C-alpha atoms as a PDB file:
ATOM      1  CA  UNK A   1      -2.715  20.188  19.697  1.00  0.00           C
ATOM      2  CA  UNK A   2       0.472  19.548  17.704  1.00  0.00           C
ATOM      3  CA  UNK A   3       0.191  17.880  14.297  1.00  0.00           C
ATOM      4  CA  UNK A   4       3.093  15.621  13.299  1.00  0.00           C
ATOM      5  CA  UNK A   5       4.172  14.898   9.731  1.00  0.00           C
ATOM      6  CA  UNK A   6       3.999  11.339   8.393  1.00  0.00           C
ATOM      7  CA  UNK A   7       3.650   9.680   4.995  1.00  0.00           C
ATOM      8  CA  UNK A   8       0.630   7.822   3.665  1.00  0.00           C
ATOM      9  CA  UNK A   9       1.789   5.131   1.253  1.00  0.00           C
ATOM     10  CA  UNK A  10      -1.076   3.693  -0.789  1.00  0.00           C
ATOM     11  CA  UNK A  11      -0.686   0.454  -2.729  1.00  0.00           C
ATOM     12  CA  UNK A  12      -3.331  -0.671  -5.202  1.00  0.00           C
ATOM     13  CA  UNK A  13      -2.664  -4.132  -6.525  1.00  0.00           C
ATOM     14  CA  UNK A  14      -3.967  -7.613  -7.206  1.00  0.00           C
ATOM     15  CA  UNK A  15      -5.752  -9.291  -4.294  1.00  0.00           C
ATOM     16  CA  UNK A  16      -3.639 -12.428  -4.781  1.00  0.00           C
ATOM     17  CA  UNK A  17      -0.667 -10.529  -3.296  1.00  0.00           C
ATOM     18  CA  UNK A  18      -2.371  -9.658   0.004  1.00  0.00           C
ATOM     19  CA  UNK A  19      -0.666 -12.231   2.255  1.00  0.00           C
ATOM     20  CA  UNK A  20       2.732 -11.633   0.691  1.00  0.00           C
ATOM     21  CA  UNK A  21       2.374  -7.850   0.989  1.00  0.00           C
ATOM     22  CA  UNK A  22       1.423  -8.106   4.649  1.00  0.00           C
ATOM     23  CA  UNK A  23       4.580 -10.083   5.397  1.00  0.00           C
ATOM     24  CA  UNK A  24       6.722  -7.693   3.330  1.00  0.00           C
ATOM     25  CA  UNK A  25       5.452  -4.441   4.836  1.00  0.00           C
ATOM     26  CA  UNK A  26       5.652  -5.743   8.402  1.00  0.00           C
ATOM     27  CA  UNK A  27       9.208  -6.953   7.827  1.00  0.00           C
ATOM     28  CA  UNK A  28      10.097  -3.550   6.351  1.00  0.00           C
ATOM     29  CA  UNK A  29       8.873  -1.641   9.410  1.00  0.00           C
ATOM     30  CA  UNK A  30       5.174  -0.841   8.982  1.00  0.00           C
ATOM     31  CA  UNK A  31       3.498  -0.807  12.389  1.00  0.00           C
ATOM     32  CA  UNK A  32       0.063  -1.239  10.837  1.00  0.00           C
ATOM     33  CA  UNK A  33      -1.935  -1.027   7.653  1.00  0.00           C
ATOM     34  CA  UNK A  34      -5.487  -0.892   6.345  1.00  0.00           C
ATOM     35  CA  UNK A  35      -6.659  -3.104   3.492  1.00  0.00           C
ATOM     36  CA  UNK A  36      -9.878  -2.624   1.543  1.00  0.00           C
ATOM     37  CA  UNK A  37     -11.281  -4.138  -1.621  1.00  0.00           C
ATOM     38  CA  UNK A  38     -10.832  -1.926  -4.670  1.00  0.00           C
ATOM     39  CA  UNK A  39     -12.584  -1.744  -8.024  1.00  0.00           C
ATOM     40  CA  UNK A  40     -11.918   0.423 -11.039  1.00  0.00           C
ATOM     41  CA  UNK A  41     -10.435   0.749 -14.481  1.00  0.00           C
ATOM     42  CA  UNK A  42      -6.887   1.458 -15.563  1.00  0.00           C
ATOM     43  CA  UNK A  43      -4.202   0.274 -17.962  1.00  0.00           C
ATOM     44  CA  UNK A  44      -4.927  -3.335 -16.982  1.00  0.00           C
ATOM     45  CA  UNK A  45      -8.617  -2.903 -17.896  1.00  0.00           C
ATOM     46  CA  UNK A  46     -11.649  -3.150 -15.639  1.00  0.00           C
ATOM     47  CA  UNK A  47     -11.027  -4.711 -12.221  1.00  0.00           C
ATOM     48  CA  UNK A  48     -14.477  -5.481 -10.858  1.00  0.00           C
ATOM     49  CA  UNK A  49     -13.745  -7.942  -8.019  1.00  0.00           C
ATOM     50  CA  UNK A  50     -16.185 -10.462  -9.500  1.00  0.00           C
ATOM     51  CA  UNK A  51     -13.648 -13.231  -8.947  1.00  0.00           C
ATOM     52  CA  UNK A  52     -10.205 -13.369  -7.345  1.00  0.00           C
ATOM     53  CA  UNK A  53      -8.289 -13.102 -10.613  1.00  0.00           C
ATOM     54  CA  UNK A  54      -9.899  -9.711 -11.244  1.00  0.00           C
ATOM     55  CA  UNK A  55      -9.904  -8.472  -7.638  1.00  0.00           C
ATOM     56  CA  UNK A  56      -7.795  -5.603  -6.379  1.00  0.00           C
ATOM     57  CA  UNK A  57      -6.958  -4.421  -2.903  1.00  0.00           C
ATOM     58  CA  UNK A  58      -5.958  -1.028  -1.598  1.00  0.00           C
ATOM     59  CA  UNK A  59      -3.392  -1.126   1.212  1.00  0.00           C
ATOM     60  CA  UNK A  60      -2.735   2.084   3.127  1.00  0.00           C
ATOM     61  CA  UNK A  61       0.225   2.508   5.454  1.00  0.00           C
ATOM     62  CA  UNK A  62       0.905   5.517   7.691  1.00  0.00           C
ATOM     63  CA  UNK A  63       4.607   5.658   8.503  1.00  0.00           C
ATOM     64  CA  UNK A  64       7.750   7.750   8.483  1.00  0.00           C
ATOM     65  CA  UNK A  65       9.503   8.694   5.242  1.00  0.00           C
ATOM     66  CA  UNK A  66      12.266   6.068   5.566  1.00  0.00           C
ATOM     67  CA  UNK A  67       9.786   3.230   6.018  1.00  0.00           C
ATOM     68  CA  UNK A  68       7.643   4.439   3.103  1.00  0.00           C
ATOM     69  CA  UNK A  69      10.714   4.604   0.865  1.00  0.00           C
ATOM     70  CA  UNK A  70      11.927   1.141   1.912  1.00  0.00           C
ATOM     71  CA  UNK A  71       8.520  -0.412   1.239  1.00  0.00           C
ATOM     72  CA  UNK A  72       8.038   1.358  -2.107  1.00  0.00           C
ATOM     73  CA  UNK A  73      11.540   0.425  -3.296  1.00  0.00           C
ATOM     74  CA  UNK A  74      10.995  -3.222  -2.333  1.00  0.00           C
ATOM     75  CA  UNK A  75       7.630  -3.424  -4.083  1.00  0.00           C
ATOM     76  CA  UNK A  76       8.938  -1.796  -7.254  1.00  0.00           C
ATOM     77  CA  UNK A  77      11.894  -4.186  -7.365  1.00  0.00           C
ATOM     78  CA  UNK A  78       9.930  -7.372  -6.665  1.00  0.00           C
ATOM     79  CA  UNK A  79       6.408  -6.907  -8.060  1.00  0.00           C
ATOM     80  CA  UNK A  80       6.139  -4.097 -10.631  1.00  0.00           C
ATOM     81  CA  UNK A  81       7.241  -6.234 -13.535  1.00  0.00           C
ATOM     82  CA  UNK A  82       4.810  -9.122 -12.969  1.00  0.00           C
ATOM     83  CA  UNK A  83       1.750  -7.615 -11.245  1.00  0.00           C
ATOM     84  CA  UNK A  84      -0.654  -4.742 -11.750  1.00  0.00           C
ATOM     85  CA  UNK A  85       0.412  -2.309  -9.027  1.00  0.00           C
ATOM     86  CA  UNK A  86       0.111   1.400  -8.379  1.00  0.00           C
ATOM     87  CA  UNK A  87       1.908   3.197  -5.556  1.00  0.00           C
ATOM     88  CA  UNK A  88       1.427   6.744  -4.397  1.00  0.00           C
ATOM     89  CA  UNK A  89       2.719   8.732  -1.469  1.00  0.00           C
ATOM     90  CA  UNK A  90       1.291  11.813   0.216  1.00  0.00           C
ATOM     91  CA  UNK A  91       2.272  13.932   3.189  1.00  0.00           C
ATOM     92  CA  UNK A  92      -0.251  13.758   6.039  1.00  0.00           C
ATOM     93  CA  UNK A  93      -0.574  15.165   9.535  1.00  0.00           C
ATOM     94  CA  UNK A  94      -1.253  12.919  12.534  1.00  0.00           C
ATOM     95  CA  UNK A  95      -2.028  13.682  16.173  1.00  0.00           C
ATOM     96  CA  UNK A  96      -0.559  10.506  17.705  1.00  0.00           C
ATOM     97  CA  UNK A  97       2.842  10.061  16.019  1.00  0.00           C
ATOM     98  CA  UNK A  98       3.878   7.176  18.272  1.00  0.00           C
ATOM     99  CA  UNK A  99       1.362   4.956  16.447  1.00  0.00           C
ATOM    100  CA  UNK A 100       3.133   5.400  13.121  1.00  0.00           C
END
């Protein structure tokens, strides 16, 4: 079975941005995404999801390199300054490339 190269873009940010992020990533070419609740500690302090103002989400998007770059550039330009947000990108292998 052939493995195809794709990118996994992970976004960890404030839960209040969820609806906006969904619209943004779909408009920028993501064919799908996975969102989960996230808890932890970082530069912004402890994020324990006890109430919406301290809740984080983790959005994962499998896509091609151009789409990952477009989404990351857009998020950095529009949200980095005003919201707690971490982005990271890794190379992954997928078996059904047409899905991503």
